[in-house]
Full PDB file with SEQRES, HELIX, SHEET, SSBOND, CRYST1, ORIGX, SCALE, CONECT and MASTER records, all heavy atoms in Angstrom:
SEQRES   1 A   36  ASN SER TYR LEU PRO SER ALA PHE SER HIS CYS LYS VAL          
SEQRES   2 A   36  HIS MET ILE PRO GLN ARG PRO ARG ALA GLU MET GLU GLN          
SEQRES   3 A   36  TYR LEU GLN ARG HIS PHE GLN VAL ALA GLN                      
HELIX    1 AA1 TYR A    3  ALA A    7  1                                   5    
HELIX    2 AA2 SER A    9  CYS A   11  5                                   3    
HELIX    3 AA3 ARG A   21  PHE A   32  1                                  12    
CRYST1    1.000    1.000    1.000  90.00  90.00  90.00 P 1           1          
ORIGX1      1.000000  0.000000  0.000000        0.00000                         
ORIGX2      0.000000  1.000000  0.000000        0.00000                         
ORIGX3      0.000000  0.000000  1.000000        0.00000                         
SCALE1      1.000000  0.000000  0.000000        0.00000                         
SCALE2      0.000000  1.000000  0.000000        0.00000                         
SCALE3      0.000000  0.000000  1.000000        0.00000                         
ATOM      1  N   ASN A   1     235.054  62.884 106.039  1.00  0.00           N  
ATOM      2  CA  ASN A   1     236.260  62.293 105.472  1.00  0.00           C  
ATOM      3  C   ASN A   1     236.002  60.971 104.769  1.00  0.00           C  
ATOM      4  O   ASN A   1     236.936  60.331 104.307  1.00  0.00           O  
ATOM      5  CB  ASN A   1     237.322  62.120 106.555  1.00  0.00           C  
ATOM      6  CG  ASN A   1     237.831  63.447 107.071  1.00  0.00           C  
ATOM      7  OD1 ASN A   1     237.927  64.414 106.315  1.00  0.00           O  
ATOM      8  ND2 ASN A   1     238.113  63.545 108.365  1.00  0.00           N  
ATOM      9  N   SER A   2     234.739  60.539 104.710  1.00  0.00           N  
ATOM     10  CA  SER A   2     234.432  59.314 103.963  1.00  0.00           C  
ATOM     11  C   SER A   2     234.611  59.631 102.455  1.00  0.00           C  
ATOM     12  O   SER A   2     234.784  60.760 102.068  1.00  0.00           O  
ATOM     13  CB  SER A   2     233.050  58.793 104.299  1.00  0.00           C  
ATOM     14  OG  SER A   2     232.069  59.754 104.013  1.00  0.00           O  
ATOM     15  N   TYR A   3     234.520  58.599 101.629  1.00  0.00           N  
ATOM     16  CA  TYR A   3     234.940  58.724 100.235  1.00  0.00           C  
ATOM     17  C   TYR A   3     234.197  59.778  99.439  1.00  0.00           C  
ATOM     18  O   TYR A   3     234.778  60.692  98.857  1.00  0.00           O  
ATOM     19  CB  TYR A   3     234.838  57.388  99.526  1.00  0.00           C  
ATOM     20  CG  TYR A   3     235.437  57.465  98.150  1.00  0.00           C  
ATOM     21  CD1 TYR A   3     236.796  57.280  97.958  1.00  0.00           C  
ATOM     22  CD2 TYR A   3     234.664  57.779  97.049  1.00  0.00           C  
ATOM     23  CE1 TYR A   3     237.356  57.389  96.689  1.00  0.00           C  
ATOM     24  CE2 TYR A   3     235.194  57.910  95.791  1.00  0.00           C  
ATOM     25  CZ  TYR A   3     236.554  57.699  95.606  1.00  0.00           C  
ATOM     26  OH  TYR A   3     237.106  57.834  94.367  1.00  0.00           O  
ATOM     27  N   LEU A   4     232.870  59.710  99.383  1.00  0.00           N  
ATOM     28  CA  LEU A   4     232.127  60.608  98.514  1.00  0.00           C  
ATOM     29  C   LEU A   4     232.206  62.069  98.948  1.00  0.00           C  
ATOM     30  O   LEU A   4     232.444  62.934  98.102  1.00  0.00           O  
ATOM     31  CB  LEU A   4     230.647  60.132  98.406  1.00  0.00           C  
ATOM     32  CG  LEU A   4     229.989  60.396  97.072  1.00  0.00           C  
ATOM     33  CD1 LEU A   4     230.781  59.864  95.893  1.00  0.00           C  
ATOM     34  CD2 LEU A   4     228.598  59.849  97.048  1.00  0.00           C  
ATOM     35  N   PRO A   5     232.053  62.387 100.229  1.00  0.00           N  
ATOM     36  CA  PRO A   5     232.256  63.780 100.629  1.00  0.00           C  
ATOM     37  C   PRO A   5     233.675  64.304 100.297  1.00  0.00           C  
ATOM     38  O   PRO A   5     233.834  65.445  99.909  1.00  0.00           O  
ATOM     39  CB  PRO A   5     232.006  63.794 102.140  1.00  0.00           C  
ATOM     40  CG  PRO A   5     231.161  62.619 102.386  1.00  0.00           C  
ATOM     41  CD  PRO A   5     231.585  61.584 101.376  1.00  0.00           C  
ATOM     42  N   SER A   6     234.679  63.450 100.437  1.00  0.00           N  
ATOM     43  CA  SER A   6     236.042  63.849 100.107  1.00  0.00           C  
ATOM     44  C   SER A   6     236.198  64.088  98.591  1.00  0.00           C  
ATOM     45  O   SER A   6     236.850  65.018  98.174  1.00  0.00           O  
ATOM     46  CB  SER A   6     237.041  62.785 100.557  1.00  0.00           C  
ATOM     47  OG  SER A   6     237.043  62.665 101.949  1.00  0.00           O  
ATOM     48  N   ALA A   7     235.550  63.211  97.785  1.00  0.00           N  
ATOM     49  CA  ALA A   7     235.667  63.347  96.332  1.00  0.00           C  
ATOM     50  C   ALA A   7     235.040  64.649  95.839  1.00  0.00           C  
ATOM     51  O   ALA A   7     235.490  65.222  94.843  1.00  0.00           O  
ATOM     52  CB  ALA A   7     235.002  62.157  95.657  1.00  0.00           C  
ATOM     53  N   PHE A   8     234.013  65.109  96.508  1.00  0.00           N  
ATOM     54  CA  PHE A   8     233.323  66.351  96.091  1.00  0.00           C  
ATOM     55  C   PHE A   8     233.652  67.520  97.038  1.00  0.00           C  
ATOM     56  O   PHE A   8     232.925  68.509  97.070  1.00  0.00           O  
ATOM     57  CB  PHE A   8     231.828  66.118  96.067  1.00  0.00           C  
ATOM     58  CG  PHE A   8     231.386  65.226  94.940  1.00  0.00           C  
ATOM     59  CD1 PHE A   8     231.181  63.868  95.133  1.00  0.00           C  
ATOM     60  CD2 PHE A   8     231.189  65.768  93.679  1.00  0.00           C  
ATOM     61  CE1 PHE A   8     230.804  63.048  94.105  1.00  0.00           C  
ATOM     62  CE2 PHE A   8     230.799  64.945  92.629  1.00  0.00           C  
ATOM     63  CZ  PHE A   8     230.607  63.588  92.836  1.00  0.00           C  
ATOM     64  N   SER A   9     234.744  67.429  97.775  1.00  0.00           N  
ATOM     65  CA  SER A   9     235.057  68.461  98.763  1.00  0.00           C  
ATOM     66  C   SER A   9     235.298  69.845  98.142  1.00  0.00           C  
ATOM     67  O   SER A   9     235.102  70.856  98.780  1.00  0.00           O  
ATOM     68  CB  SER A   9     236.295  68.036  99.579  1.00  0.00           C  
ATOM     69  OG  SER A   9     237.417  67.965  98.739  1.00  0.00           O  
ATOM     70  N   HIS A  10     235.651  69.878  96.861  1.00  0.00           N  
ATOM     71  CA  HIS A  10     235.859  71.167  96.188  1.00  0.00           C  
ATOM     72  C   HIS A  10     234.534  71.894  95.988  1.00  0.00           C  
ATOM     73  O   HIS A  10     234.538  73.097  95.695  1.00  0.00           O  
ATOM     74  CB  HIS A  10     236.588  70.970  94.846  1.00  0.00           C  
ATOM     75  CG  HIS A  10     235.847  70.132  93.878  1.00  0.00           C  
ATOM     76  ND1 HIS A  10     235.766  68.758  93.982  1.00  0.00           N  
ATOM     77  CD2 HIS A  10     235.126  70.461  92.801  1.00  0.00           C  
ATOM     78  CE1 HIS A  10     235.013  68.287  92.990  1.00  0.00           C  
ATOM     79  NE2 HIS A  10     234.632  69.304  92.253  1.00  0.00           N  
ATOM     80  N   CYS A  11     233.433  71.213  96.176  1.00  0.00           N  
ATOM     81  CA  CYS A  11     232.099  71.811  95.996  1.00  0.00           C  
ATOM     82  C   CYS A  11     231.431  72.080  97.338  1.00  0.00           C  
ATOM     83  O   CYS A  11     230.248  72.492  97.386  1.00  0.00           O  
ATOM     84  CB  CYS A  11     231.192  70.909  95.173  1.00  0.00           C  
ATOM     85  SG  CYS A  11     231.838  70.462  93.574  1.00  0.00           S  
ATOM     86  N   LYS A  12     232.099  71.822  98.431  1.00  0.00           N  
ATOM     87  CA  LYS A  12     231.504  71.810  99.772  1.00  0.00           C  
ATOM     88  C   LYS A  12     230.998  73.198 100.195  1.00  0.00           C  
ATOM     89  O   LYS A  12     231.664  74.211  99.985  1.00  0.00           O  
ATOM     90  CB  LYS A  12     232.500  71.343 100.805  1.00  0.00           C  
ATOM     91  CG  LYS A  12     231.926  71.165 102.181  1.00  0.00           C  
ATOM     92  CD  LYS A  12     232.924  70.842 103.252  1.00  0.00           C  
ATOM     93  CE  LYS A  12     234.013  69.936 102.880  1.00  0.00           C  
ATOM     94  NZ  LYS A  12     234.888  69.580 103.994  1.00  0.00           N  
ATOM     95  N   VAL A  13     229.785  73.202 100.750  1.00  0.00           N  
ATOM     96  CA  VAL A  13     229.202  74.416 101.322  1.00  0.00           C  
ATOM     97  C   VAL A  13     228.652  74.011 102.695  1.00  0.00           C  
ATOM     98  O   VAL A  13     227.837  73.120 102.800  1.00  0.00           O  
ATOM     99  CB  VAL A  13     228.061  74.966 100.434  1.00  0.00           C  
ATOM    100  CG1 VAL A  13     227.392  76.145 101.108  1.00  0.00           C  
ATOM    101  CG2 VAL A  13     228.562  75.315  99.060  1.00  0.00           C  
ATOM    102  N   HIS A  14     229.136  74.680 103.741  1.00  0.00           N  
ATOM    103  CA  HIS A  14     228.591  74.420 105.081  1.00  0.00           C  
ATOM    104  C   HIS A  14     227.271  75.155 105.200  1.00  0.00           C  
ATOM    105  O   HIS A  14     227.187  76.368 104.926  1.00  0.00           O  
ATOM    106  CB  HIS A  14     229.583  74.863 106.161  1.00  0.00           C  
ATOM    107  CG  HIS A  14     230.760  73.996 106.232  1.00  0.00           C  
ATOM    108  ND1 HIS A  14     230.768  72.770 106.845  1.00  0.00           N  
ATOM    109  CD2 HIS A  14     232.037  74.169 105.756  1.00  0.00           C  
ATOM    110  CE1 HIS A  14     231.980  72.249 106.765  1.00  0.00           C  
ATOM    111  NE2 HIS A  14     232.745  73.073 106.082  1.00  0.00           N  
ATOM    112  N   MET A  15     226.214  74.434 105.610  1.00  0.00           N  
ATOM    113  CA  MET A  15     224.908  75.017 105.710  1.00  0.00           C  
ATOM    114  C   MET A  15     224.430  75.091 107.153  1.00  0.00           C  
ATOM    115  O   MET A  15     224.562  74.129 107.882  1.00  0.00           O  
ATOM    116  CB  MET A  15     223.872  74.216 104.875  1.00  0.00           C  
ATOM    117  CG  MET A  15     224.059  74.301 103.406  1.00  0.00           C  
ATOM    118  SD  MET A  15     223.788  75.951 102.748  1.00  0.00           S  
ATOM    119  CE  MET A  15     222.102  76.252 103.254  1.00  0.00           C  
ATOM    120  N   ILE A  16     223.882  76.211 107.477  1.00  0.00           N  
ATOM    121  CA  ILE A  16     223.202  76.389 108.771  1.00  0.00           C  
ATOM    122  C   ILE A  16     221.813  76.884 108.424  1.00  0.00           C  
ATOM    123  O   ILE A  16     221.672  77.791 107.584  1.00  0.00           O  
ATOM    124  CB  ILE A  16     223.938  77.436 109.632  1.00  0.00           C  
ATOM    125  CG1 ILE A  16     225.336  76.949 109.947  1.00  0.00           C  
ATOM    126  CG2 ILE A  16     223.161  77.745 110.904  1.00  0.00           C  
ATOM    127  CD1 ILE A  16     226.219  77.981 110.624  1.00  0.00           C  
ATOM    128  N   PRO A  17     220.759  76.265 108.963  1.00  0.00           N  
ATOM    129  CA  PRO A  17     219.414  76.712 108.617  1.00  0.00           C  
ATOM    130  C   PRO A  17     219.263  78.211 108.826  1.00  0.00           C  
ATOM    131  O   PRO A  17     219.672  78.791 109.858  1.00  0.00           O  
ATOM    132  CB  PRO A  17     218.524  75.951 109.601  1.00  0.00           C  
ATOM    133  CG  PRO A  17     219.329  74.738 109.983  1.00  0.00           C  
ATOM    134  CD  PRO A  17     220.756  75.190 109.947  1.00  0.00           C  
ATOM    135  N   GLN A  18     218.707  78.872 107.836  1.00  0.00           N  
ATOM    136  CA  GLN A  18     218.579  80.339 107.831  1.00  0.00           C  
ATOM    137  C   GLN A  18     217.214  80.781 108.324  1.00  0.00           C  
ATOM    138  O   GLN A  18     217.000  81.989 108.486  1.00  0.00           O  
ATOM    139  CB  GLN A  18     218.817  80.886 106.423  1.00  0.00           C  
ATOM    140  CG  GLN A  18     220.189  80.582 105.876  1.00  0.00           C  
ATOM    141  CD  GLN A  18     221.298  81.219 106.705  1.00  0.00           C  
ATOM    142  OE1 GLN A  18     221.215  82.409 107.005  1.00  0.00           O  
ATOM    143  NE2 GLN A  18     222.316  80.467 107.059  1.00  0.00           N  
ATOM    144  N   ARG A  19     216.301  79.893 108.490  1.00  0.00           N  
ATOM    145  CA  ARG A  19     214.962  80.231 108.918  1.00  0.00           C  
ATOM    146  C   ARG A  19     214.705  79.708 110.336  1.00  0.00           C  
ATOM    147  O   ARG A  19     215.258  78.671 110.710  1.00  0.00           O  
ATOM    148  CB  ARG A  19     213.913  79.601 107.980  1.00  0.00           C  
ATOM    149  CG  ARG A  19     214.064  79.952 106.530  1.00  0.00           C  
ATOM    150  CD  ARG A  19     213.529  81.339 106.265  1.00  0.00           C  
ATOM    151  NE  ARG A  19     213.718  81.735 104.893  1.00  0.00           N  
ATOM    152  CZ  ARG A  19     212.775  81.726 103.973  1.00  0.00           C  
ATOM    153  NH1 ARG A  19     211.574  81.396 104.296  1.00  0.00           N  
ATOM    154  NH2 ARG A  19     213.052  82.107 102.740  1.00  0.00           N  
ATOM    155  N   PRO A  20     213.874  80.363 111.090  1.00  0.00           N  
ATOM    156  CA  PRO A  20     213.530  79.848 112.424  1.00  0.00           C  
ATOM    157  C   PRO A  20     212.793  78.515 112.340  1.00  0.00           C  
ATOM    158  O   PRO A  20     212.103  78.243 111.364  1.00  0.00           O  
ATOM    159  CB  PRO A  20     212.618  80.921 113.005  1.00  0.00           C  
ATOM    160  CG  PRO A  20     212.720  82.114 112.100  1.00  0.00           C  
ATOM    161  CD  PRO A  20     213.247  81.647 110.802  1.00  0.00           C  
ATOM    162  N   ARG A  21     212.944  77.711 113.354  1.00  0.00           N  
ATOM    163  CA  ARG A  21     212.346  76.374 113.360  1.00  0.00           C  
ATOM    164  C   ARG A  21     210.834  76.441 113.166  1.00  0.00           C  
ATOM    165  O   ARG A  21     210.255  75.668 112.441  1.00  0.00           O  
ATOM    166  CB  ARG A  21     212.699  75.678 114.667  1.00  0.00           C  
ATOM    167  CG  ARG A  21     212.094  74.303 114.776  1.00  0.00           C  
ATOM    168  CD  ARG A  21     212.457  73.648 116.085  1.00  0.00           C  
ATOM    169  NE  ARG A  21     211.748  72.395 116.184  1.00  0.00           N  
ATOM    170  CZ  ARG A  21     212.207  71.394 116.850  1.00  0.00           C  
ATOM    171  NH1 ARG A  21     213.330  71.465 117.502  1.00  0.00           N  
ATOM    172  NH2 ARG A  21     211.501  70.282 116.916  1.00  0.00           N  
ATOM    173  N   ALA A  22     210.171  77.399 113.823  1.00  0.00           N  
ATOM    174  CA  ALA A  22     208.721  77.502 113.728  1.00  0.00           C  
ATOM    175  C   ALA A  22     208.291  77.764 112.287  1.00  0.00           C  
ATOM    176  O   ALA A  22     207.297  77.210 111.823  1.00  0.00           O  
ATOM    177  CB  ALA A  22     208.221  78.649 114.628  1.00  0.00           C  
ATOM    178  N   GLU A  23     209.052  78.586 111.574  1.00  0.00           N  
ATOM    179  CA  GLU A  23     208.718  78.885 110.170  1.00  0.00           C  
ATOM    180  C   GLU A  23     208.899  77.639 109.294  1.00  0.00           C  
ATOM    181  O   GLU A  23     208.092  77.356 108.415  1.00  0.00           O  
ATOM    182  CB  GLU A  23     209.606  80.029 109.668  1.00  0.00           C  
ATOM    183  CG  GLU A  23     209.191  80.575 108.359  1.00  0.00           C  
ATOM    184  CD  GLU A  23     210.036  81.793 107.947  1.00  0.00           C  
ATOM    185  OE1 GLU A  23     210.481  82.554 108.823  1.00  0.00           O  
ATOM    186  OE2 GLU A  23     210.256  81.952 106.736  1.00  0.00           O  
ATOM    187  N   MET A  24     209.949  76.864 109.566  1.00  0.00           N  
ATOM    188  CA  MET A  24     210.165  75.612 108.815  1.00  0.00           C  
ATOM    189  C   MET A  24     209.042  74.605 109.098  1.00  0.00           C  
ATOM    190  O   MET A  24     208.586  73.927 108.186  1.00  0.00           O  
ATOM    191  CB  MET A  24     211.539  75.010 109.157  1.00  0.00           C  
ATOM    192  CG  MET A  24     212.698  75.775 108.585  1.00  0.00           C  
ATOM    193  SD  MET A  24     214.271  74.957 108.787  1.00  0.00           S  
ATOM    194  CE  MET A  24     214.757  75.463 110.429  1.00  0.00           C  
ATOM    195  N   GLU A  25     208.634  74.528 110.372  1.00  0.00           N  
ATOM    196  CA  GLU A  25     207.548  73.614 110.721  1.00  0.00           C  
ATOM    197  C   GLU A  25     206.250  74.007 110.005  1.00  0.00           C  
ATOM    198  O   GLU A  25     205.526  73.151 109.528  1.00  0.00           O  
ATOM    199  CB  GLU A  25     207.347  73.576 112.223  1.00  0.00           C  
ATOM    200  CG  GLU A  25     208.435  72.837 112.944  1.00  0.00           C  
ATOM    201  CD  GLU A  25     208.311  72.903 114.462  1.00  0.00           C  
ATOM    202  OE1 GLU A  25     207.456  73.652 114.984  1.00  0.00           O  
ATOM    203  OE2 GLU A  25     209.104  72.204 115.134  1.00  0.00           O  
ATOM    204  N   GLN A  26     205.926  75.301 109.938  1.00  0.00           N  
ATOM    205  CA  GLN A  26     204.729  75.750 109.242  1.00  0.00           C  
ATOM    206  C   GLN A  26     204.788  75.417 107.764  1.00  0.00           C  
ATOM    207  O   GLN A  26     203.805  74.996 107.173  1.00  0.00           O  
ATOM    208  CB  GLN A  26     204.542  77.271 109.408  1.00  0.00           C  
ATOM    209  CG  GLN A  26     204.107  77.665 110.780  1.00  0.00           C  
ATOM    210  CD  GLN A  26     204.072  79.175 110.945  1.00  0.00           C  
ATOM    211  OE1 GLN A  26     204.526  79.928 110.095  1.00  0.00           O  
ATOM    212  NE2 GLN A  26     203.511  79.628 112.042  1.00  0.00           N  
ATOM    213  N   TYR A  27     205.957  75.596 107.172  1.00  0.00           N  
ATOM    214  CA  TYR A  27     206.148  75.268 105.746  1.00  0.00           C  
ATOM    215  C   TYR A  27     205.882  73.802 105.473  1.00  0.00           C  
ATOM    216  O   TYR A  27     205.123  73.426 104.578  1.00  0.00           O  
ATOM    217  CB  TYR A  27     207.582  75.655 105.330  1.00  0.00           C  
ATOM    218  CG  TYR A  27     207.930  75.213 103.937  1.00  0.00           C  
ATOM    219  CD1 TYR A  27     207.480  75.915 102.818  1.00  0.00           C  
ATOM    220  CD2 TYR A  27     208.705  74.085 103.730  1.00  0.00           C  
ATOM    221  CE1 TYR A  27     207.817  75.491 101.547  1.00  0.00           C  
ATOM    222  CE2 TYR A  27     209.049  73.665 102.451  1.00  0.00           C  
ATOM    223  CZ  TYR A  27     208.596  74.373 101.367  1.00  0.00           C  
ATOM    224  OH  TYR A  27     208.912  73.966 100.103  1.00  0.00           O  
ATOM    225  N   LEU A  28     206.482  72.919 106.296  1.00  0.00           N  
ATOM    226  CA  LEU A  28     206.287  71.483 106.106  1.00  0.00           C  
ATOM    227  C   LEU A  28     204.855  71.090 106.424  1.00  0.00           C  
ATOM    228  O   LEU A  28     204.284  70.233 105.747  1.00  0.00           O  
ATOM    229  CB  LEU A  28     207.255  70.705 106.995  1.00  0.00           C  
ATOM    230  CG  LEU A  28     208.726  70.827 106.578  1.00  0.00           C  
ATOM    231  CD1 LEU A  28     209.636  70.175 107.609  1.00  0.00           C  
ATOM    232  CD2 LEU A  28     208.977  70.209 105.205  1.00  0.00           C  
ATOM    233  N   GLN A  29     204.235  71.713 107.419  1.00  0.00           N  
ATOM    234  CA  GLN A  29     202.858  71.407 107.745  1.00  0.00           C  
ATOM    235  C   GLN A  29     201.941  71.716 106.581  1.00  0.00           C  
ATOM    236  O   GLN A  29     201.030  70.944 106.268  1.00  0.00           O  
ATOM    237  CB  GLN A  29     202.425  72.179 108.993  1.00  0.00           C  
ATOM    238  CG  GLN A  29     201.039  71.826 109.470  1.00  0.00           C  
ATOM    239  CD  GLN A  29     200.698  72.528 110.782  1.00  0.00           C  
ATOM    240  OE1 GLN A  29     201.363  73.476 111.182  1.00  0.00           O  
ATOM    241  NE2 GLN A  29     199.663  72.048 111.445  1.00  0.00           N  
ATOM    242  N   ARG A  30     202.203  72.817 105.901  1.00  0.00           N  
ATOM    243  CA  ARG A  30     201.378  73.187 104.752  1.00  0.00           C  
ATOM    244  C   ARG A  30     201.447  72.122 103.644  1.00  0.00           C  
ATOM    245  O   ARG A  30     200.452  71.807 103.009  1.00  0.00           O  
ATOM    246  CB  ARG A  30     201.819  74.542 104.224  1.00  0.00           C  
ATOM    247  CG  ARG A  30     201.051  75.041 103.044  1.00  0.00           C  
ATOM    248  CD  ARG A  30     201.375  76.457 102.583  1.00  0.00           C  
ATOM    249  NE  ARG A  30     202.774  76.832 102.652  1.00  0.00           N  
ATOM    250  CZ  ARG A  30     203.279  77.746 103.500  1.00  0.00           C  
ATOM    251  NH1 ARG A  30     202.473  78.364 104.348  1.00  0.00           N  
ATOM    252  NH2 ARG A  30     204.547  78.041 103.503  1.00  0.00           N  
ATOM    253  N   HIS A  31     202.602  71.515 103.488  1.00  0.00           N  
ATOM    254  CA  HIS A  31     202.776  70.526 102.419  1.00  0.00           C  
ATOM    255  C   HIS A  31     202.375  69.105 102.822  1.00  0.00           C  
ATOM    256  O   HIS A  31     202.065  68.290 101.956  1.00  0.00           O  
ATOM    257  CB  HIS A  31     204.221  70.512 101.928  1.00  0.00           C  
ATOM    258  CG  HIS A  31     204.567  71.706 101.103  1.00  0.00           C  
ATOM    259  ND1 HIS A  31     204.139  71.834  99.801  1.00  0.00           N  
ATOM    260  CD2 HIS A  31     205.259  72.820 101.378  1.00  0.00           C  
ATOM    261  CE1 HIS A  31     204.565  72.963  99.299  1.00  0.00           C  
ATOM    262  NE2 HIS A  31     205.236  73.603 100.247  1.00  0.00           N  
ATOM    263  N   PHE A  32     202.405  68.788 104.118  1.00  0.00           N  
ATOM    264  CA  PHE A  32     202.120  67.417 104.550  1.00  0.00           C  
ATOM    265  C   PHE A  32     200.724  67.243 105.135  1.00  0.00           C  
ATOM    266  O   PHE A  32     200.350  66.156 105.551  1.00  0.00           O  
ATOM    267  CB  PHE A  32     203.142  66.953 105.583  1.00  0.00           C  
ATOM    268  CG  PHE A  32     204.482  66.647 104.993  1.00  0.00           C  
ATOM    269  CD1 PHE A  32     205.624  67.258 105.460  1.00  0.00           C  
ATOM    270  CD2 PHE A  32     204.613  65.736 103.947  1.00  0.00           C  
ATOM    271  CE1 PHE A  32     206.859  66.980 104.931  1.00  0.00           C  
ATOM    272  CE2 PHE A  32     205.847  65.437 103.405  1.00  0.00           C  
ATOM    273  CZ  PHE A  32     206.961  66.081 103.897  1.00  0.00           C  
ATOM    274  N   GLN A  33     199.897  68.278 105.141  1.00  0.00           N  
ATOM    275  CA  GLN A  33     198.556  68.159 105.694  1.00  0.00           C  
ATOM    276  C   GLN A  33     197.615  67.612 104.619  1.00  0.00           C  
ATOM    277  O   GLN A  33     197.621  68.074 103.486  1.00  0.00           O  
ATOM    278  CB  GLN A  33     198.042  69.500 106.182  1.00  0.00           C  
ATOM    279  CG  GLN A  33     196.848  69.385 107.094  1.00  0.00           C  
ATOM    280  CD  GLN A  33     196.610  70.689 107.835  1.00  0.00           C  
ATOM    281  OE1 GLN A  33     196.827  71.753 107.295  1.00  0.00           O  
ATOM    282  NE2 GLN A  33     196.137  70.565 109.049  1.00  0.00           N  
ATOM    283  N   VAL A  34     196.837  66.604 104.988  1.00  0.00           N  
ATOM    284  CA  VAL A  34     195.886  65.971 104.079  1.00  0.00           C  
ATOM    285  C   VAL A  34     194.550  66.678 104.237  1.00  0.00           C  
ATOM    286  O   VAL A  34     194.032  66.795 105.351  1.00  0.00           O  
ATOM    287  CB  VAL A  34     195.773  64.469 104.388  1.00  0.00           C  
ATOM    288  CG1 VAL A  34     194.710  63.819 103.521  1.00  0.00           C  
ATOM    289  CG2 VAL A  34     197.104  63.794 104.218  1.00  0.00           C  
ATOM    290  N   ALA A  35     193.985  67.121 103.119  1.00  0.00           N  
ATOM    291  CA  ALA A  35     192.722  67.859 103.160  1.00  0.00           C  
ATOM    292  C   ALA A  35     191.548  66.959 103.571  1.00  0.00           C  
ATOM    293  O   ALA A  35     190.725  67.344 104.371  1.00  0.00           O  
ATOM    294  CB  ALA A  35     192.447  68.522 101.795  1.00  0.00           C  
ATOM    295  N   GLN A  36     191.456  65.785 102.994  1.00  0.00           N  
ATOM    296  CA  GLN A  36     190.382  64.835 103.269  1.00  0.00           C  
ATOM    297  C   GLN A  36     190.963  63.597 103.890  1.00  0.00           C  
ATOM    298  O   GLN A  36     191.295  62.646 103.199  1.00  0.00           O  
ATOM    299  CB  GLN A  36     189.634  64.474 101.966  1.00  0.00           C  
ATOM    300  CG  GLN A  36     189.015  65.651 101.252  1.00  0.00           C  
ATOM    301  CD  GLN A  36     187.889  66.266 102.035  1.00  0.00           C  
ATOM    302  OE1 GLN A  36     187.179  65.597 102.782  1.00  0.00           O  
ATOM    303  NE2 GLN A  36     187.700  67.586 101.896  1.00  0.00           N  
TER     304      GLN A  36                                                      
MASTER        0    0    0    3    0    0    0    6  303    1    0    3          
END                                                                             
């Protein structure tokens, strides 16, 4: 109900993660792992 979410409320989409936590962790690990 704060200003900006209310101003864009006509565009609102409620999101629930669609992937299992383990799969999300693997995805982020692939991108955040330093090779050297």
